[in-house]
């Protein structure tokens, strides 16, 4: 007898099969952005796109570019924890 599978895993598989899982994850990330990273960071770091496990952030202020670069691993962990899976493996600053 096959072991029962979690509904979330099944749903993720179906969404991936029909090609919309990445879009849904990106929208969840963008909607919850300020909650995930905090109000201050969200003022200076704007998510642009999520593609191939890379999160592209637009940051114009040089000081904040350095700050986000230095805390990027912490942000990746927060994002993945909030979304419940490893969605982001790298942050690209533009």
Foldseek 3Di string as FASTA:
>chain_A
DDDDDDPVVVVLVVCVVVPCNQVVLFVVCQVCVCVQPNDVLCVAWHFDGQDPQETETEGDDPVSVVVCVVCVVVSQVSSCVVSVHSRHDYYHYD
